[in-house]
Amino acid sequence: MATVALVDVMFPEGHLGPSASSLRVPDYIDEWVSAPYPAQQKVRPVILDGLDALDAESVKRFKRPFAKLKPAQQSAICDDFAILPKPGLSFKNWRSFSKHSAS
């Protein structure tokens, strides 16, 4: 699942602590975007579209979904998404996704 892989790219296991997935951050995200409240329902499509964009770019570049990539490949995609705009890259809804996920 792209959510698990993405949170572990952002917060990997290391000397500072456990990985985000081991702390069940993906479960929290899933619960949050599934909540019936207006704020969560408003952001739900943005987050889901962002995760779809992540997988689409992974398949385009590496012929595999984001969760199946090597860590260096995952990091490369995340780095490119973080520094948009960049010539030749076009990630539908990524800017909106990254803006909402940071808040």
C-alpha atoms as a PDB file:
ATOM      1  CA  MET A   1       0.000   0.000   0.000  1.00  0.00           C
ATOM      2  CA  ALA A   2       1.362   3.398  -0.994  1.00  0.00           C
ATOM      3  CA  THR A   3       0.437   4.969   2.337  1.00  0.00           C
ATOM      4  CA  VAL A   4       2.641   2.583   4.321  1.00  0.00           C
ATOM      5  CA  ALA A   5       5.599   3.058   2.000  1.00  0.00           C
ATOM      6  CA  LEU A   6       5.177   6.840   1.896  1.00  0.00           C
ATOM      7  CA  VAL A   7       5.075   7.327   5.665  1.00  0.00           C
ATOM      8  CA  ASP A   8       8.144   5.122   6.019  1.00  0.00           C
ATOM      9  CA  VAL A   9      10.027   7.229   3.465  1.00  0.00           C
ATOM     10  CA  MET A  10       9.169  10.299   5.518  1.00  0.00           C
ATOM     11  CA  PHE A  11       9.773   8.672   8.927  1.00  0.00           C
ATOM     12  CA  PRO A  12      11.940   5.545   8.607  1.00  0.00           C
ATOM     13  CA  GLU A  13      13.071   3.357  11.460  1.00  0.00           C
ATOM     14  CA  GLY A  14      16.394   4.509  12.807  1.00  0.00           C
ATOM     15  CA  HIS A  15      18.372   5.563  15.810  1.00  0.00           C
ATOM     16  CA  LEU A  16      15.763   8.240  16.597  1.00  0.00           C
ATOM     17  CA  GLY A  17      12.897   5.797  16.839  1.00  0.00           C
ATOM     18  CA  PRO A  18      10.576   3.343  15.127  1.00  0.00           C
ATOM     19  CA  SER A  19       9.178   3.694  11.624  1.00  0.00           C
ATOM     20  CA  ALA A  20       5.883   5.459  11.037  1.00  0.00           C
ATOM     21  CA  SER A  21       4.259   2.250   9.862  1.00  0.00           C
ATOM     22  CA  SER A  22       5.262   0.398  13.020  1.00  0.00           C
ATOM     23  CA  LEU A  23       3.505   3.158  14.964  1.00  0.00           C
ATOM     24  CA  ARG A  24       0.394   2.546  12.806  1.00  0.00           C
ATOM     25  CA  VAL A  25       0.410   5.955  11.164  1.00  0.00           C
ATOM     26  CA  PRO A  26      -1.232   4.508   8.004  1.00  0.00           C
ATOM     27  CA  ASP A  27      -4.125   3.271  10.154  1.00  0.00           C
ATOM     28  CA  TYR A  28      -4.560   6.782  11.527  1.00  0.00           C
ATOM     29  CA  ILE A  29      -4.511   8.283   8.028  1.00  0.00           C
ATOM     30  CA  ASP A  30      -7.052   5.734   6.789  1.00  0.00           C
ATOM     31  CA  GLU A  31      -9.343   6.435   9.732  1.00  0.00           C
ATOM     32  CA  TRP A  32      -8.944  10.197   9.314  1.00  0.00           C
ATOM     33  CA  VAL A  33      -9.830  10.274   5.604  1.00  0.00           C
ATOM     34  CA  SER A  34     -12.723   7.876   6.197  1.00  0.00           C
ATOM     35  CA  ALA A  35     -14.360  10.012   8.894  1.00  0.00           C
ATOM     36  CA  PRO A  36     -17.783  11.433   7.999  1.00  0.00           C
ATOM     37  CA  TYR A  37     -16.939  14.985   9.092  1.00  0.00           C
ATOM     38  CA  PRO A  38     -16.874  17.858   6.574  1.00  0.00           C
ATOM     39  CA  ALA A  39     -13.195  18.713   7.013  1.00  0.00           C
ATOM     40  CA  GLN A  40     -12.099  15.125   6.447  1.00  0.00           C
ATOM     41  CA  GLN A  41     -14.505  14.595   3.560  1.00  0.00           C
ATOM     42  CA  LYS A  42     -13.188  17.740   1.874  1.00  0.00           C
ATOM     43  CA  VAL A  43      -9.583  16.545   1.999  1.00  0.00           C
ATOM     44  CA  ARG A  44     -10.265  12.849   1.282  1.00  0.00           C
ATOM     45  CA  PRO A  45     -10.209  13.135  -2.532  1.00  0.00           C
ATOM     46  CA  VAL A  46      -7.053  15.242  -2.402  1.00  0.00           C
ATOM     47  CA  ILE A  47      -5.219  12.597  -0.377  1.00  0.00           C
ATOM     48  CA  LEU A  48      -6.507   9.691  -2.455  1.00  0.00           C
ATOM     49  CA  ASP A  49      -5.628  11.507  -5.712  1.00  0.00           C
ATOM     50  CA  GLY A  50      -2.147  12.219  -4.333  1.00  0.00           C
ATOM     51  CA  LEU A  51      -1.590   8.574  -3.476  1.00  0.00           C
ATOM     52  CA  ASP A  52      -2.844   7.595  -6.941  1.00  0.00           C
ATOM     53  CA  ALA A  53      -0.381  10.080  -8.479  1.00  0.00           C
ATOM     54  CA  LEU A  54       2.416   8.508  -6.463  1.00  0.00           C
ATOM     55  CA  ASP A  55       1.572   5.041  -7.748  1.00  0.00           C
ATOM     56  CA  ALA A  56       1.085   6.270 -11.309  1.00  0.00           C
ATOM     57  CA  GLU A  57       4.505   7.901 -11.347  1.00  0.00           C
ATOM     58  CA  SER A  58       6.056   4.764  -9.847  1.00  0.00           C
ATOM     59  CA  VAL A  59       4.553   2.577 -12.559  1.00  0.00           C
ATOM     60  CA  LYS A  60       5.578   5.073 -15.237  1.00  0.00           C
ATOM     61  CA  ARG A  61       9.208   5.171 -14.085  1.00  0.00           C
ATOM     62  CA  PHE A  62       9.815   1.723 -12.641  1.00  0.00           C
ATOM     63  CA  LYS A  63       6.894  -0.462 -13.844  1.00  0.00           C
ATOM     64  CA  ARG A  64       5.925  -1.175 -10.229  1.00  0.00           C
ATOM     65  CA  PRO A  65       3.639   0.429  -7.645  1.00  0.00           C
ATOM     66  CA  PHE A  66       5.271   2.723  -5.089  1.00  0.00           C
ATOM     67  CA  ALA A  67       5.076   0.181  -2.258  1.00  0.00           C
ATOM     68  CA  LYS A  68       7.059  -2.351  -4.318  1.00  0.00           C
ATOM     69  CA  LEU A  69       9.949  -0.007  -5.149  1.00  0.00           C
ATOM     70  CA  LYS A  70      13.390  -0.041  -3.576  1.00  0.00           C
ATOM     71  CA  PRO A  71      13.891   2.679  -0.941  1.00  0.00           C
ATOM     72  CA  ALA A  72      16.163   4.711  -3.238  1.00  0.00           C
ATOM     73  CA  GLN A  73      13.488   4.691  -5.963  1.00  0.00           C
ATOM     74  CA  GLN A  74      10.805   5.759  -3.479  1.00  0.00           C
ATOM     75  CA  SER A  75      13.013   8.580  -2.246  1.00  0.00           C
ATOM     76  CA  ALA A  76      13.736   9.739  -5.794  1.00  0.00           C
ATOM     77  CA  ILE A  77      10.040  10.059  -6.568  1.00  0.00           C
ATOM     78  CA  CYS A  78       9.321  11.821  -3.282  1.00  0.00           C
ATOM     79  CA  ASP A  79      12.212  14.217  -3.894  1.00  0.00           C
ATOM     80  CA  ASP A  80      10.876  15.075  -7.343  1.00  0.00           C
ATOM     81  CA  PHE A  81       7.356  15.575  -6.017  1.00  0.00           C
ATOM     82  CA  ALA A  82       8.700  17.864  -3.292  1.00  0.00           C
ATOM     83  CA  ILE A  83      10.509  20.210  -5.680  1.00  0.00           C
ATOM     84  CA  LEU A  84       7.842  20.747  -8.337  1.00  0.00           C
ATOM     85  CA  PRO A  85       7.632  22.367 -10.772  1.00  0.00           C
ATOM     86  CA  LYS A  86      10.385  20.723 -12.727  1.00  0.00           C
ATOM     87  CA  PRO A  87      10.596  20.462 -16.525  1.00  0.00           C
ATOM     88  CA  GLY A  88       9.045  17.256 -17.781  1.00  0.00           C
ATOM     89  CA  LEU A  89       7.244  16.382 -14.554  1.00  0.00           C
ATOM     90  CA  SER A  90       3.508  16.730 -14.195  1.00  0.00           C
ATOM     91  CA  PHE A  91       1.782  15.260 -11.177  1.00  0.00           C
ATOM     92  CA  LYS A  92      -1.928  15.949 -11.165  1.00  0.00           C
ATOM     93  CA  ASN A  93      -3.072  17.136  -7.736  1.00  0.00           C
ATOM     94  CA  TRP A  94       0.340  16.575  -6.140  1.00  0.00           C
ATOM     95  CA  ARG A  95       0.764  20.173  -4.985  1.00  0.00           C
ATOM     96  CA  SER A  96      -2.661  20.114  -3.407  1.00  0.00           C
ATOM     97  CA  PHE A  97      -1.880  16.770  -1.759  1.00  0.00           C
ATOM     98  CA  SER A  98       1.457  17.884  -0.334  1.00  0.00           C
ATOM     99  CA  LYS A  99      -0.057  21.154   0.917  1.00  0.00           C
ATOM    100  CA  HIS A 100      -2.850  19.326   2.786  1.00  0.00           C
ATOM    101  CA  SER A 101      -0.650  16.555   4.132  1.00  0.00           C
ATOM    102  CA  ALA A 102       1.705  19.110   5.668  1.00  0.00           C
ATOM    103  CA  SER A 103      -1.065  20.866   7.573  1.00  0.00           C
END
